[in-house]
């Protein structure tokens, strides 16, 4: 069962390519919502690393240099909904 997004306490960030980040300390999981609509999960993120990410002068640069190359990430697939024309 996928953990609900509300369990991550999403915060808006000032970045040209990241719109929101959320963190679940119990699961040590970071979620990143990108400006283009894609959503990713990153695993085994220490609480201190998340705080450093939030406090970074540039969340985008922090993500590129400290998160993406060092942690396993998985794209979150969007749930398909039936659209009525």
Protein backbone atom coordinates (compact mmCIF):
# COMPACT_ATOMS: atom_id res chain seq x y z
CA UNK A 1 0.00 0.00 0.00
CA UNK A 2 1.37 3.42 -0.97
CA UNK A 3 1.74 5.89 1.87
CA UNK A 4 -0.56 8.88 1.50
CA UNK A 5 0.95 12.16 0.32
CA UNK A 6 -0.46 13.86 3.42
CA UNK A 7 2.01 11.79 5.48
CA UNK A 8 4.88 13.73 3.90
CA UNK A 9 4.10 17.32 4.94
CA UNK A 10 4.84 18.83 1.54
CA UNK A 11 6.45 22.25 1.43
CA UNK A 12 6.67 24.64 -1.51
CA UNK A 13 10.24 25.52 -2.47
CA UNK A 14 11.76 28.30 -4.54
CA UNK A 15 13.36 26.51 -7.46
CA UNK A 16 13.13 26.68 -11.23
CA UNK A 17 12.54 22.92 -11.52
CA UNK A 18 11.31 21.69 -8.11
CA UNK A 19 7.85 22.77 -6.95
CA UNK A 20 7.44 20.86 -3.65
CA UNK A 21 9.30 18.51 -1.35
CA UNK A 22 7.94 16.25 1.34
CA UNK A 23 9.53 13.95 3.89
CA UNK A 24 8.41 11.03 6.04
CA UNK A 25 10.89 10.61 8.88
CA UNK A 26 9.63 7.18 9.92
CA UNK A 27 10.15 5.84 6.41
CA UNK A 28 13.23 8.04 5.75
CA UNK A 29 11.69 8.82 2.37
CA UNK A 30 11.93 12.11 0.49
CA UNK A 31 9.42 12.97 -2.20
CA UNK A 32 10.16 15.58 -4.82
CA UNK A 33 7.48 17.10 -7.05
CA UNK A 34 9.05 18.70 -10.09
CA UNK A 35 7.73 21.73 -11.94
CA UNK A 36 7.11 19.61 -15.06
CA UNK A 37 4.61 17.46 -13.11
CA UNK A 38 6.78 14.40 -12.48
CA UNK A 39 7.11 13.03 -8.96
CA UNK A 40 9.99 11.03 -7.53
CA UNK A 41 10.71 9.15 -4.29
CA UNK A 42 14.20 8.97 -2.74
CA UNK A 43 15.03 6.41 -0.08
CA UNK A 44 17.10 6.24 3.13
CA UNK A 45 17.33 10.02 3.52
CA UNK A 46 18.43 11.02 7.04
CA UNK A 47 16.33 13.71 8.73
CA UNK A 48 19.39 15.96 8.88
CA UNK A 49 19.84 15.69 5.10
CA UNK A 50 16.21 16.74 4.58
CA UNK A 51 16.63 19.76 6.87
CA UNK A 52 19.82 20.72 5.01
CA UNK A 53 17.90 20.43 1.74
CA UNK A 54 15.15 22.74 3.00
CA UNK A 55 17.65 25.28 4.35
CA UNK A 56 19.94 25.26 1.32
CA UNK A 57 20.45 28.56 -0.47
CA UNK A 58 19.46 26.71 -3.67
CA UNK A 59 17.31 23.59 -3.31
CA UNK A 60 17.89 22.82 -6.99
CA UNK A 61 21.68 22.78 -6.65
CA UNK A 62 21.47 20.83 -3.40
CA UNK A 63 19.26 18.25 -5.10
CA UNK A 64 21.54 17.93 -8.15
CA UNK A 65 24.76 17.64 -6.15
CA UNK A 66 23.76 15.98 -2.86
CA UNK A 67 20.54 14.00 -3.39
CA UNK A 68 20.27 12.71 -6.94
CA UNK A 69 23.77 11.17 -7.27
CA UNK A 70 23.82 9.66 -3.77
CA UNK A 71 20.38 8.15 -3.16
CA UNK A 72 18.18 5.63 -4.93
CA UNK A 73 15.20 7.25 -6.60
CA UNK A 74 12.05 5.91 -8.24
CA UNK A 75 9.55 7.77 -10.36
CA UNK A 76 6.02 7.75 -8.95
CA UNK A 77 3.59 6.59 -11.59
CA UNK A 78 0.44 8.64 -11.84
CA UNK A 79 -2.78 6.81 -11.11
CA UNK A 80 -4.84 6.37 -14.22
CA UNK A 81 -8.33 7.77 -14.07
CA UNK A 82 -11.14 7.17 -16.48
CA UNK A 83 -11.89 10.32 -18.41
CA UNK A 84 -15.32 10.97 -19.82
CA UNK A 85 -15.35 12.84 -23.12
